[in-house]
PDB file of N, CA and C in Angstrom:
ATOM      1  N   MET A   1     105.635 106.897  86.543  1.00  0.00           N
ATOM      2  CA  MET A   1     105.259 105.978  87.594  1.00  0.00           C
ATOM      3  C   MET A   1     103.981 106.496  88.238  1.00  0.00           C
ATOM      4  N   SER A   2     102.956 105.679  88.314  1.00  0.00           N
ATOM      5  CA  SER A   2     101.683 106.110  88.881  1.00  0.00           C
ATOM      6  C   SER A   2     101.699 105.983  90.393  1.00  0.00           C
ATOM      7  N   ALA A   3     100.929 106.847  91.030  1.00  0.00           N
ATOM      8  CA  ALA A   3     100.832 106.831  92.493  1.00  0.00           C
ATOM      9  C   ALA A   3      99.955 105.665  92.930  1.00  0.00           C
ATOM     10  N   MET A   4     100.330 105.040  94.021  1.00  0.00           N
ATOM     11  CA  MET A   4      99.534 103.944  94.557  1.00  0.00           C
ATOM     12  C   MET A   4      98.382 104.527  95.360  1.00  0.00           C
ATOM     13  N   ARG A   5      97.183 104.015  95.126  1.00  0.00           N
ATOM     14  CA  ARG A   5      96.006 104.489  95.851  1.00  0.00           C
ATOM     15  C   ARG A   5      95.410 103.290  96.564  1.00  0.00           C
ATOM     16  N   LYS A   6      95.369 103.363  97.866  1.00  0.00           N
ATOM     17  CA  LYS A   6      94.866 102.262  98.672  1.00  0.00           C
ATOM     18  C   LYS A   6      93.900 102.811  99.696  1.00  0.00           C
ATOM     19  N   VAL A   7      92.764 102.177  99.819  1.00  0.00           N
ATOM     20  CA  VAL A   7      91.774 102.582 100.814  1.00  0.00           C
ATOM     21  C   VAL A   7      91.812 101.571 101.946  1.00  0.00           C
ATOM     22  N   VAL A   8      92.012 102.065 103.155  1.00  0.00           N
ATOM     23  CA  VAL A   8      92.022 101.189 104.330  1.00  0.00           C
ATOM     24  C   VAL A   8      91.119 101.805 105.389  1.00  0.00           C
ATOM     25  N   GLY A   9      90.694 100.985 106.324  1.00  0.00           N
ATOM     26  CA  GLY A   9      89.918 101.485 107.444  1.00  0.00           C
ATOM     27  C   GLY A   9      90.803 102.274 108.390  1.00  0.00           C
ATOM     28  N   PHE A  10      90.194 103.166 109.145  1.00  0.00           N
ATOM     29  CA  PHE A  10      90.954 104.033 110.037  1.00  0.00           C
ATOM     30  C   PHE A  10      91.787 103.235 111.031  1.00  0.00           C
ATOM     31  N   GLU A  11      91.220 102.188 111.579  1.00  0.00           N
ATOM     32  CA  GLU A  11      91.925 101.378 112.578  1.00  0.00           C
ATOM     33  C   GLU A  11      93.195 100.738 112.006  1.00  0.00           C
ATOM     34  N   GLU A  12      93.208 100.449 110.709  1.00  0.00           N
ATOM     35  CA  GLU A  12      94.365  99.799 110.090  1.00  0.00           C
ATOM     36  C   GLU A  12      95.556 100.729 109.923  1.00  0.00           C
ATOM     37  N   LEU A  13      95.330 102.028 109.945  1.00  0.00           N
ATOM     38  CA  LEU A  13      96.425 102.979 109.744  1.00  0.00           C
ATOM     39  C   LEU A  13      97.561 102.773 110.739  1.00  0.00           C
ATOM     40  N   GLY A  14      97.236 102.460 111.963  1.00  0.00           N
ATOM     41  CA  GLY A  14      98.260 102.278 112.985  1.00  0.00           C
ATOM     42  C   GLY A  14      99.220 101.155 112.681  1.00  0.00           C
ATOM     43  N   TYR A  15      98.767 100.158 111.943  1.00  0.00           N
ATOM     44  CA  TYR A  15      99.603  99.003 111.622  1.00  0.00           C
ATOM     45  C   TYR A  15     100.459  99.219 110.380  1.00  0.00           C
ATOM     46  N   LEU A  16     100.188 100.250 109.630  1.00  0.00           N
ATOM     47  CA  LEU A  16     100.923 100.506 108.391  1.00  0.00           C
ATOM     48  C   LEU A  16     102.143 101.370 108.710  1.00  0.00           C
ATOM     49  N   LYS A  17     103.196 100.722 109.182  1.00  0.00           N
ATOM     50  CA  LYS A  17     104.384 101.430 109.679  1.00  0.00           C
ATOM     51  C   LYS A  17     105.204 102.069 108.563  1.00  0.00           C
ATOM     52  N   ASN A  18     105.119 101.564 107.347  1.00  0.00           N
ATOM     53  CA  ASN A  18     105.988 102.034 106.270  1.00  0.00           C
ATOM     54  C   ASN A  18     105.296 102.971 105.293  1.00  0.00           C
ATOM     55  N   LEU A  19     104.225 103.614 105.722  1.00  0.00           N
ATOM     56  CA  LEU A  19     103.560 104.570 104.841  1.00  0.00           C
ATOM     57  C   LEU A  19     104.532 105.681 104.482  1.00  0.00           C
ATOM     58  N   LYS A  20     104.484 106.124 103.223  1.00  0.00           N
ATOM     59  CA  LYS A  20     105.375 107.213 102.823  1.00  0.00           C
ATOM     60  C   LYS A  20     104.736 108.021 101.712  1.00  0.00           C
ATOM     61  N   GLY A  21     105.270 109.199 101.519  1.00  0.00           N
ATOM     62  CA  GLY A  21     104.764 110.063 100.469  1.00  0.00           C
ATOM     63  C   GLY A  21     103.544 110.843 100.918  1.00  0.00           C
ATOM     64  N   LYS A  22     102.485 110.783 100.100  1.00  0.00           N
ATOM     65  CA  LYS A  22     101.261 111.537 100.354  1.00  0.00           C
ATOM     66  C   LYS A  22     100.184 110.613 100.919  1.00  0.00           C
ATOM     67  N   VAL A  23      99.554 111.057 102.007  1.00  0.00           N
ATOM     68  CA  VAL A  23      98.471 110.299 102.638  1.00  0.00           C
ATOM     69  C   VAL A  23      97.301 111.248 102.880  1.00  0.00           C
ATOM     70  N   ALA A  24      96.109 110.813 102.492  1.00  0.00           N
ATOM     71  CA  ALA A  24      94.889 111.583 102.745  1.00  0.00           C
ATOM     72  C   ALA A  24      93.982 110.760 103.647  1.00  0.00           C
ATOM     73  N   ILE A  25      93.501 111.380 104.714  1.00  0.00           N
ATOM     74  CA  ILE A  25      92.559 110.731 105.627  1.00  0.00           C
ATOM     75  C   ILE A  25      91.275 111.536 105.555  1.00  0.00           C
ATOM     76  N   ARG A  26      90.221 110.901 105.102  1.00  0.00           N
ATOM     77  CA  ARG A  26      88.946 111.577 104.861  1.00  0.00           C
ATOM     78  C   ARG A  26      87.865 111.066 105.814  1.00  0.00           C
ATOM     79  N   LYS A  27      86.751 111.803 105.830  1.00  0.00           N
ATOM     80  CA  LYS A  27      85.581 111.465 106.647  1.00  0.00           C
ATOM     81  C   LYS A  27      85.939 111.381 108.130  1.00  0.00           C
ATOM     82  N   LEU A  28      86.720 112.333 108.572  1.00  0.00           N
ATOM     83  CA  LEU A  28      87.157 112.350 109.968  1.00  0.00           C
ATOM     84  C   LEU A  28      86.014 112.575 110.951  1.00  0.00           C
ATOM     85  N   GLU A  29      84.869 113.014 110.463  1.00  0.00           N
ATOM     86  CA  GLU A  29      83.709 113.167 111.346  1.00  0.00           C
ATOM     87  C   GLU A  29      83.241 111.818 111.888  1.00  0.00           C
ATOM     88  N   ARG A  30      83.695 110.737 111.289  1.00  0.00           N
ATOM     89  CA  ARG A  30      83.323 109.393 111.751  1.00  0.00           C
ATOM     90  C   ARG A  30      84.204 108.884 112.883  1.00  0.00           C
ATOM     91  N   VAL A  31      85.302 109.585 113.164  1.00  0.00           N
ATOM     92  CA  VAL A  31      86.218 109.191 114.242  1.00  0.00           C
ATOM     93  C   VAL A  31      85.624 109.665 115.565  1.00  0.00           C
ATOM     94  N   ASN A  32      85.668 108.803 116.575  1.00  0.00           N
ATOM     95  CA  ASN A  32      84.968 109.055 117.831  1.00  0.00           C
ATOM     96  C   ASN A  32      85.697 109.933 118.841  1.00  0.00           C
ATOM     97  N   GLY A  33      86.944 110.252 118.627  1.00  0.00           N
ATOM     98  CA  GLY A  33      87.640 111.110 119.589  1.00  0.00           C
ATOM     99  C   GLY A  33      89.145 110.980 119.484  1.00  0.00           C
ATOM    100  N   LYS A  34      89.826 111.607 120.441  1.00  0.00           N
ATOM    101  CA  LYS A  34      91.288 111.660 120.433  1.00  0.00           C
ATOM    102  C   LYS A  34      91.932 110.275 120.495  1.00  0.00           C
ATOM    103  N   GLU A  35      91.413 109.412 121.350  1.00  0.00           N
ATOM    104  CA  GLU A  35      92.016 108.093 121.520  1.00  0.00           C
ATOM    105  C   GLU A  35      91.939 107.281 120.227  1.00  0.00           C
ATOM    106  N   GLU A  36      90.782 107.310 119.579  1.00  0.00           N
ATOM    107  CA  GLU A  36      90.634 106.576 118.324  1.00  0.00           C
ATOM    108  C   GLU A  36      91.544 107.177 117.248  1.00  0.00           C
ATOM    109  N   ALA A  37      91.607 108.497 117.179  1.00  0.00           N
ATOM    110  CA  ALA A  37      92.451 109.157 116.193  1.00  0.00           C
ATOM    111  C   ALA A  37      93.924 108.825 116.417  1.00  0.00           C
ATOM    112  N   ALA A  38      94.338 108.778 117.670  1.00  0.00           N
ATOM    113  CA  ALA A  38      95.741 108.506 117.994  1.00  0.00           C
ATOM    114  C   ALA A  38      96.170 107.103 117.567  1.00  0.00           C
ATOM    115  N   ARG A  39      95.219 106.198 117.385  1.00  0.00           N
ATOM    116  CA  ARG A  39      95.548 104.831 116.940  1.00  0.00           C
ATOM    117  C   ARG A  39      96.131 104.806 115.532  1.00  0.00           C
ATOM    118  N   ALA A  40      95.999 105.900 114.802  1.00  0.00           N
ATOM    119  CA  ALA A  40      96.618 105.984 113.472  1.00  0.00           C
ATOM    120  C   ALA A  40      98.143 106.083 113.583  1.00  0.00           C
ATOM    121  N   CYS A  41      98.640 106.443 114.755  1.00  0.00           N
ATOM    122  CA  CYS A  41     100.081 106.511 115.047  1.00  0.00           C
ATOM    123  C   CYS A  41     100.850 107.364 114.035  1.00  0.00           C
ATOM    124  N   LEU A  42     100.311 108.514 113.696  1.00  0.00           N
ATOM    125  CA  LEU A  42     100.962 109.360 112.698  1.00  0.00           C
ATOM    126  C   LEU A  42     102.319 109.884 113.163  1.00  0.00           C
ATOM    127  N   THR A  43     102.518 110.063 114.459  1.00  0.00           N
ATOM    128  CA  THR A  43     103.819 110.532 114.957  1.00  0.00           C
ATOM    129  C   THR A  43     104.918 109.506 114.729  1.00  0.00           C
ATOM    130  N   GLU A  44     104.541 108.252 114.451  1.00  0.00           N
ATOM    131  CA  GLU A  44     105.507 107.180 114.228  1.00  0.00           C
ATOM    132  C   GLU A  44     105.738 106.907 112.746  1.00  0.00           C
ATOM    133  N   LYS A  45     105.311 107.815 111.890  1.00  0.00           N
ATOM    134  CA  LYS A  45     105.426 107.621 110.436  1.00  0.00           C
ATOM    135  C   LYS A  45     106.232 108.777 109.829  1.00  0.00           C
ATOM    136  N   PRO A  46     107.572 108.707 109.951  1.00  0.00           N
ATOM    137  CA  PRO A  46     108.416 109.815 109.502  1.00  0.00           C
ATOM    138  C   PRO A  46     108.491 109.996 107.990  1.00  0.00           C
ATOM    139  N   ASN A  47     108.038 109.027 107.229  1.00  0.00           N
ATOM    140  CA  ASN A  47     108.157 109.110 105.772  1.00  0.00           C
ATOM    141  C   ASN A  47     106.916 109.647 105.076  1.00  0.00           C
ATOM    142  N   ILE A  48     105.906 110.045 105.862  1.00  0.00           N
ATOM    143  CA  ILE A  48     104.764 110.745 105.273  1.00  0.00           C
ATOM    144  C   ILE A  48     105.179 112.210 105.152  1.00  0.00           C
ATOM    145  N   HIS A  49     105.228 112.703 103.925  1.00  0.00           N
ATOM    146  CA  HIS A  49     105.671 114.083 103.712  1.00  0.00           C
ATOM    147  C   HIS A  49     104.514 115.028 103.423  1.00  0.00           C
ATOM    148  N   LYS A  50     103.426 114.494 102.862  1.00  0.00           N
ATOM    149  CA  LYS A  50     102.229 115.295 102.605  1.00  0.00           C
ATOM    150  C   LYS A  50     101.060 114.590 103.264  1.00  0.00           C
ATOM    151  N   LEU A  51     100.371 115.305 104.147  1.00  0.00           N
ATOM    152  CA  LEU A  51      99.235 114.737 104.858  1.00  0.00           C
ATOM    153  C   LEU A  51      98.032 115.643 104.669  1.00  0.00           C
ATOM    154  N   GLN A  52      96.933 115.042 104.289  1.00  0.00           N
ATOM    155  CA  GLN A  52      95.680 115.769 104.108  1.00  0.00           C
ATOM    156  C   GLN A  52      94.655 115.192 105.084  1.00  0.00           C
ATOM    157  N   LEU A  53      94.099 116.041 105.948  1.00  0.00           N
ATOM    158  CA  LEU A  53      93.095 115.642 106.934  1.00  0.00           C
ATOM    159  C   LEU A  53      91.793 116.331 106.562  1.00  0.00           C
ATOM    160  N   VAL A  54      90.741 115.527 106.297  1.00  0.00           N
ATOM    161  CA  VAL A  54      89.520 116.097 105.726  1.00  0.00           C
ATOM    162  C   VAL A  54      88.284 115.665 106.505  1.00  0.00           C
ATOM    163  N   TRP A  55      87.501 116.661 106.915  1.00  0.00           N
ATOM    164  CA  TRP A  55      86.166 116.444 107.457  1.00  0.00           C
ATOM    165  C   TRP A  55      85.193 116.758 106.334  1.00  0.00           C
ATOM    166  N   SER A  56      84.116 116.027 106.259  1.00  0.00           N
ATOM    167  CA  SER A  56      83.113 116.221 105.211  1.00  0.00           C
ATOM    168  C   SER A  56      82.412 117.562 105.350  1.00  0.00           C
ATOM    169  N   ASP A  57      82.079 118.163 104.214  1.00  0.00           N
ATOM    170  CA  ASP A  57      81.291 119.391 104.202  1.00  0.00           C
ATOM    171  C   ASP A  57      79.825 119.105 104.513  1.00  0.00           C
ATOM    172  N   LEU A  58      79.404 117.888 104.296  1.00  0.00           N
ATOM    173  CA  LEU A  58      77.991 117.523 104.384  1.00  0.00           C
ATOM    174  C   LEU A  58      77.667 116.872 105.724  1.00  0.00           C
ATOM    175  N   ARG A  59      77.803 117.629 106.790  1.00  0.00           N
ATOM    176  CA  ARG A  59      77.468 117.112 108.115  1.00  0.00           C
ATOM    177  C   ARG A  59      76.164 117.733 108.554  1.00  0.00           C
ATOM    178  N   SER A  60      75.344 116.930 109.217  1.00  0.00           N
ATOM    179  CA  SER A  60      74.065 117.472 109.699  1.00  0.00           C
ATOM    180  C   SER A  60      74.316 118.390 110.880  1.00  0.00           C
ATOM    181  N   GLU A  61      73.454 119.366 111.044  1.00  0.00           N
ATOM    182  CA  GLU A  61      73.622 120.346 112.112  1.00  0.00           C
ATOM    183  C   GLU A  61      73.484 119.736 113.499  1.00  0.00           C
ATOM    184  N   GLY A  62      72.833 118.606 113.603  1.00  0.00           N
ATOM    185  CA  GLY A  62      72.664 117.964 114.892  1.00  0.00           C
ATOM    186  C   GLY A  62      73.882 117.169 115.342  1.00  0.00           C
ATOM    187  N   ASN A  63      74.889 117.042 114.461  1.00  0.00           N
ATOM    188  CA  ASN A  63      76.088 116.286 114.816  1.00  0.00           C
ATOM    189  C   ASN A  63      76.785 116.909 116.018  1.00  0.00           C
ATOM    190  N   ASN A  64      77.319 116.057 116.857  1.00  0.00           N
ATOM    191  CA  ASN A  64      78.144 116.511 117.968  1.00  0.00           C
ATOM    192  C   ASN A  64      79.573 116.593 117.443  1.00  0.00           C
ATOM    193  N   PHE A  65      80.013 117.792 117.076  1.00  0.00           N
ATOM    194  CA  PHE A  65      81.338 117.951 116.501  1.00  0.00           C
ATOM    195  C   PHE A  65      82.411 117.702 117.549  1.00  0.00           C
ATOM    196  N   ASN A  66      83.337 116.805 117.234  1.00  0.00           N
ATOM    197  CA  ASN A  66      84.457 116.514 118.121  1.00  0.00           C
ATOM    198  C   ASN A  66      85.776 116.743 117.375  1.00  0.00           C
ATOM    199  N   ASP A  67      85.751 117.656 116.430  1.00  0.00           N
ATOM    200  CA  ASP A  67      86.898 117.897 115.564  1.00  0.00           C
ATOM    201  C   ASP A  67      88.167 118.239 116.334  1.00  0.00           C
ATOM    202  N   GLU A  68      88.034 119.023 117.395  1.00  0.00           N
ATOM    203  CA  GLU A  68      89.210 119.415 118.164  1.00  0.00           C
ATOM    204  C   GLU A  68      89.908 118.200 118.765  1.00  0.00           C
ATOM    205  N   GLN A  69      89.130 117.281 119.348  1.00  0.00           N
ATOM    206  CA  GLN A  69      89.713 116.086 119.961  1.00  0.00           C
ATOM    207  C   GLN A  69      90.338 115.178 118.886  1.00  0.00           C
ATOM    208  N   VAL A  70      89.649 115.034 117.760  1.00  0.00           N
ATOM    209  CA  VAL A  70      90.167 114.184 116.688  1.00  0.00           C
ATOM    210  C   VAL A  70      91.482 114.749 116.159  1.00  0.00           C
ATOM    211  N   LEU A  71      91.526 116.053 115.889  1.00  0.00           N
ATOM    212  CA  LEU A  71      92.759 116.665 115.379  1.00  0.00           C
ATOM    213  C   LEU A  71      93.890 116.549 116.390  1.00  0.00           C
ATOM    214  N   GLU A  72      93.578 116.659 117.675  1.00  0.00           N
ATOM    215  CA  GLU A  72      94.601 116.493 118.721  1.00  0.00           C
ATOM    216  C   GLU A  72      95.265 115.120 118.602  1.00  0.00           C
ATOM    217  N   GLY A  73      94.484 114.100 118.296  1.00  0.00           N
ATOM    218  CA  GLY A  73      95.021 112.743 118.190  1.00  0.00           C
ATOM    219  C   GLY A  73      95.731 112.444 116.875  1.00  0.00           C
ATOM    220  N   LEU A  74      95.652 113.340 115.913  1.00  0.00           N
ATOM    221  CA  LEU A  74      96.249 113.108 114.595  1.00  0.00           C
ATOM    222  C   LEU A  74      97.553 113.875 114.392  1.00  0.00           C
ATOM    223  N   GLU A  75      98.295 114.072 115.443  1.00  0.00           N
ATOM    224  CA  GLU A  75      99.568 114.785 115.339  1.00  0.00           C
ATOM    225  C   GLU A  75     100.511 114.040 114.401  1.00  0.00           C
ATOM    226  N   PRO A  76     101.023 114.718 113.380  1.00  0.00           N
ATOM    227  CA  PRO A  76     101.951 114.058 112.454  1.00  0.00           C
ATOM    228  C   PRO A  76     103.388 114.067 112.985  1.00  0.00           C
ATOM    229  N   HIS A  77     104.242 113.299 112.349  1.00  0.00           N
ATOM    230  CA  HIS A  77     105.665 113.294 112.660  1.00  0.00           C
ATOM    231  C   HIS A  77     106.234 114.677 112.313  1.00  0.00           C
ATOM    232  N   PRO A  78     107.222 115.166 113.062  1.00  0.00           N
ATOM    233  CA  PRO A  78     107.785 116.492 112.772  1.00  0.00           C
ATOM    234  C   PRO A  78     108.416 116.625 111.380  1.00  0.00           C
ATOM    235  N   ASN A  79     108.686 115.519 110.694  1.00  0.00           N
ATOM    236  CA  ASN A  79     109.262 115.577 109.347  1.00  0.00           C
ATOM    237  C   ASN A  79     108.275 116.054 108.289  1.00  0.00           C
ATOM    238  N   ILE A  80     107.029 116.248 108.646  1.00  0.00           N
ATOM    239  CA  ILE A  80     105.981 116.582 107.677  1.00  0.00           C
ATOM    240  C   ILE A  80     106.375 117.844 106.897  1.00  0.00           C
ATOM    241  N   LYS A  81     106.181 117.800 105.585  1.00  0.00           N
ATOM    242  CA  LYS A  81     106.505 118.953 104.732  1.00  0.00           C
ATOM    243  C   LYS A  81     105.253 119.738 104.346  1.00  0.00           C
ATOM    244  N   SER A  82     104.115 119.046 104.274  1.00  0.00           N
ATOM    245  CA  SER A  82     102.865 119.688 103.887  1.00  0.00           C
ATOM    246  C   SER A  82     101.724 119.058 104.669  1.00  0.00           C
ATOM    247  N   LEU A  83     100.977 119.893 105.376  1.00  0.00           N
ATOM    248  CA  LEU A  83      99.816 119.433 106.133  1.00  0.00           C
ATOM    249  C   LEU A  83      98.631 120.284 105.710  1.00  0.00           C
ATOM    250  N   ARG A  84      97.626 119.626 105.141  1.00  0.00           N
ATOM    251  CA  ARG A  84      96.431 120.331 104.671  1.00  0.00           C
ATOM    252  C   ARG A  84      95.252 119.873 105.517  1.00  0.00           C
ATOM    253  N   ILE A  85      94.541 120.838 106.122  1.00  0.00           N
ATOM    254  CA  ILE A  85      93.393 120.540 106.972  1.00  0.00           C
ATOM    255  C   ILE A  85      92.168 121.167 106.325  1.00  0.00           C
ATOM    256  N   GLU A  86      91.166 120.345 106.044  1.00  0.00           N
ATOM    257  CA  GLU A  86      89.958 120.816 105.376  1.00  0.00           C
ATOM    258  C   GLU A  86      88.716 120.452 106.179  1.00  0.00           C
ATOM    259  N   GLY A  87      87.772 121.377 106.256  1.00  0.00           N
ATOM    260  CA  GLY A  87      86.479 121.116 106.877  1.00  0.00           C
ATOM    261  C   GLY A  87      86.490 121.046 108.387  1.00  0.00           C
ATOM    262  N   PHE A  88      87.576 121.461 109.017  1.00  0.00           N
ATOM    263  CA  PHE A  88      87.686 121.440 110.480  1.00  0.00           C
ATOM    264  C   PHE A  88      86.645 122.381 111.079  1.00  0.00           C
ATOM    265  N   CYS A  89      85.912 121.899 112.062  1.00  0.00           N
ATOM    266  CA  CYS A  89      84.865 122.695 112.701  1.00  0.00           C
ATOM    267  C   CYS A  89      85.130 122.706 114.199  1.00  0.00           C
ATOM    268  N   GLY A  90      86.020 123.561 114.606  1.00  0.00           N
ATOM    269  CA  GLY A  90      86.357 123.657 116.017  1.00  0.00           C
ATOM    270  C   GLY A  90      86.760 125.073 116.363  1.00  0.00           C
ATOM    271  N   ASP A  91      86.784 125.375 117.641  1.00  0.00           N
ATOM    272  CA  ASP A  91      87.168 126.709 118.097  1.00  0.00           C
ATOM    273  C   ASP A  91      88.673 126.837 118.295  1.00  0.00           C
ATOM    274  N   ASN A  92      89.337 125.723 118.616  1.00  0.00           N
ATOM    275  CA  ASN A  92      90.765 125.756 118.947  1.00  0.00           C
ATOM    276  C   ASN A  92      91.519 124.668 118.206  1.00  0.00           C
ATOM    277  N   PHE A  93      92.770 124.976 117.901  1.00  0.00           N
ATOM    278  CA  PHE A  93      93.662 123.984 117.316  1.00  0.00           C
ATOM    279  C   PHE A  93      94.498 123.361 118.427  1.00  0.00           C
ATOM    280  N   PRO A  94      94.979 122.155 118.227  1.00  0.00           N
ATOM    281  CA  PRO A  94      95.789 121.499 119.262  1.00  0.00           C
ATOM    282  C   PRO A  94      97.153 122.181 119.415  1.00  0.00           C
ATOM    283  N   SER A  95      97.775 121.943 120.540  1.00  0.00           N
ATOM    284  CA  SER A  95      99.062 122.574 120.844  1.00  0.00           C
ATOM    285  C   SER A  95     100.155 122.154 119.869  1.00  0.00           C
ATOM    286  N   TRP A  96     100.080 120.950 119.313  1.00  0.00           N
ATOM    287  CA  TRP A  96     101.144 120.495 118.413  1.00  0.00           C
ATOM    288  C   TRP A  96     101.229 121.334 117.143  1.00  0.00           C
ATOM    289  N   ILE A  97     100.188 122.038 116.797  1.00  0.00           N
ATOM    290  CA  ILE A  97     100.218 122.879 115.593  1.00  0.00           C
ATOM    291  C   ILE A  97     101.214 124.022 115.764  1.00  0.00           C
ATOM    292  N   MET A  98     101.509 124.398 116.983  1.00  0.00           N
ATOM    293  CA  MET A  98     102.467 125.472 117.221  1.00  0.00           C
ATOM    294  C   MET A  98     103.916 125.005 117.102  1.00  0.00           C
ATOM    295  N   ASN A  99     104.144 123.701 116.956  1.00  0.00           N
ATOM    296  CA  ASN A  99     105.485 123.181 116.725  1.00  0.00           C
ATOM    297  C   ASN A  99     106.029 123.836 115.460  1.00  0.00           C
ATOM    298  N   ARG A 100     107.174 124.452 115.537  1.00  0.00           N
ATOM    299  CA  ARG A 100     107.712 125.246 114.429  1.00  0.00           C
ATOM    300  C   ARG A 100     107.787 124.461 113.128  1.00  0.00           C
ATOM    301  N   SER A 101     108.290 123.248 113.155  1.00  0.00           N
ATOM    302  CA  SER A 101     108.429 122.485 111.914  1.00  0.00           C
ATOM    303  C   SER A 101     107.073 122.152 111.304  1.00  0.00           C
ATOM    304  N   ILE A 102     106.073 121.947 112.124  1.00  0.00           N
ATOM    305  CA  ILE A 102     104.743 121.623 111.621  1.00  0.00           C
ATOM    306  C   ILE A 102     103.997 122.877 111.197  1.00  0.00           C
ATOM    307  N   SER A 103     104.089 123.942 111.974  1.00  0.00           N
ATOM    308  CA  SER A 103     103.323 125.147 111.660  1.00  0.00           C
ATOM    309  C   SER A 103     103.716 125.736 110.313  1.00  0.00           C
ATOM    310  N   GLU A 104     104.944 125.562 109.895  1.00  0.00           N
ATOM    311  CA  GLU A 104     105.387 126.070 108.596  1.00  0.00           C
ATOM    312  C   GLU A 104     104.814 125.271 107.432  1.00  0.00           C
ATOM    313  N   ALA A 105     104.325 124.062 107.691  1.00  0.00           N
ATOM    314  CA  ALA A 105     103.826 123.179 106.642  1.00  0.00           C
ATOM    315  C   ALA A 105     102.312 123.232 106.466  1.00  0.00           C
ATOM    316  N   ILE A 106     101.610 123.954 107.320  1.00  0.00           N
ATOM    317  CA  ILE A 106     100.147 123.873 107.374  1.00  0.00           C
ATOM    318  C   ILE A 106      99.457 124.748 106.326  1.00  0.00           C
ATOM    319  N   LYS A 107      98.430 124.160 105.725  1.00  0.00           N
ATOM    320  CA  LYS A 107      97.522 124.903 104.859  1.00  0.00           C
ATOM    321  C   LYS A 107      96.113 124.561 105.320  1.00  0.00           C
ATOM    322  N   LEU A 108      95.321 125.575 105.627  1.00  0.00           N
ATOM    323  CA  LEU A 108      93.961 125.376 106.114  1.00  0.00           C
ATOM    324  C   LEU A 108      92.980 125.750 105.012  1.00  0.00           C
ATOM    325  N   GLU A 109      91.968 124.906 104.816  1.00  0.00           N
ATOM    326  CA  GLU A 109      90.968 125.175 103.795  1.00  0.00           C
ATOM    327  C   GLU A 109      89.588 124.805 104.286  1.00  0.00           C
ATOM    328  N   LYS A 110      88.605 125.551 103.825  1.00  0.00           N
ATOM    329  CA  LYS A 110      87.191 125.260 104.077  1.00  0.00           C
ATOM    330  C   LYS A 110      86.903 125.012 105.552  1.00  0.00           C
ATOM    331  N   LEU A 111      87.428 125.865 106.400  1.00  0.00           N
ATOM    332  CA  LEU A 111      87.136 125.729 107.829  1.00  0.00           C
ATOM    333  C   LEU A 111      85.700 126.145 108.066  1.00  0.00           C
ATOM    334  N   MET A 112      85.061 125.515 109.029  1.00  0.00           N
ATOM    335  CA  MET A 112      83.655 125.778 109.304  1.00  0.00           C
ATOM    336  C   MET A 112      83.504 126.418 110.675  1.00  0.00           C
ATOM    337  N   GLU A 113      82.470 127.207 110.802  1.00  0.00           N
ATOM    338  CA  GLU A 113      82.138 127.798 112.090  1.00  0.00           C
ATOM    339  C   GLU A 113      81.230 126.845 112.840  1.00  0.00           C
ATOM    340  N   PRO A 114      81.617 126.444 114.070  1.00  0.00           N
ATOM    341  CA  PRO A 114      80.763 125.526 114.836  1.00  0.00           C
ATOM    342  C   PRO A 114      79.439 126.196 115.185  1.00  0.00           C
ATOM    343  N   ASN A 115      78.392 125.368 115.285  1.00  0.00           N
ATOM    344  CA  ASN A 115      77.058 125.882 115.628  1.00  0.00           C
ATOM    345  C   ASN A 115      76.974 126.233 117.089  1.00  0.00           C
TER     346      ASN A 115
END
């Protein structure tokens, strides 16, 4: 059985209540902040078991990095089994990462040092 691959806009994620399995959200540098990120309503999606959050490696140095605020708004449901964060460019992680069930699922890759 092949995996379903669907590309949707970030704003549409909040309306997709029955998402399940593996979900990848890319180009997070385009999200404007915590409020916009929270519209994805990831805490209301208990059937997502693998979540990949990706910021692009190819960002210009003049960009105003808001990665910390965006990640704060992308808190997953506590049922998450695997959380992969790539390209995050921030000094601090959000408080929800310390949640025991979530912290055990996290894999960090290609983290960047903010300018």
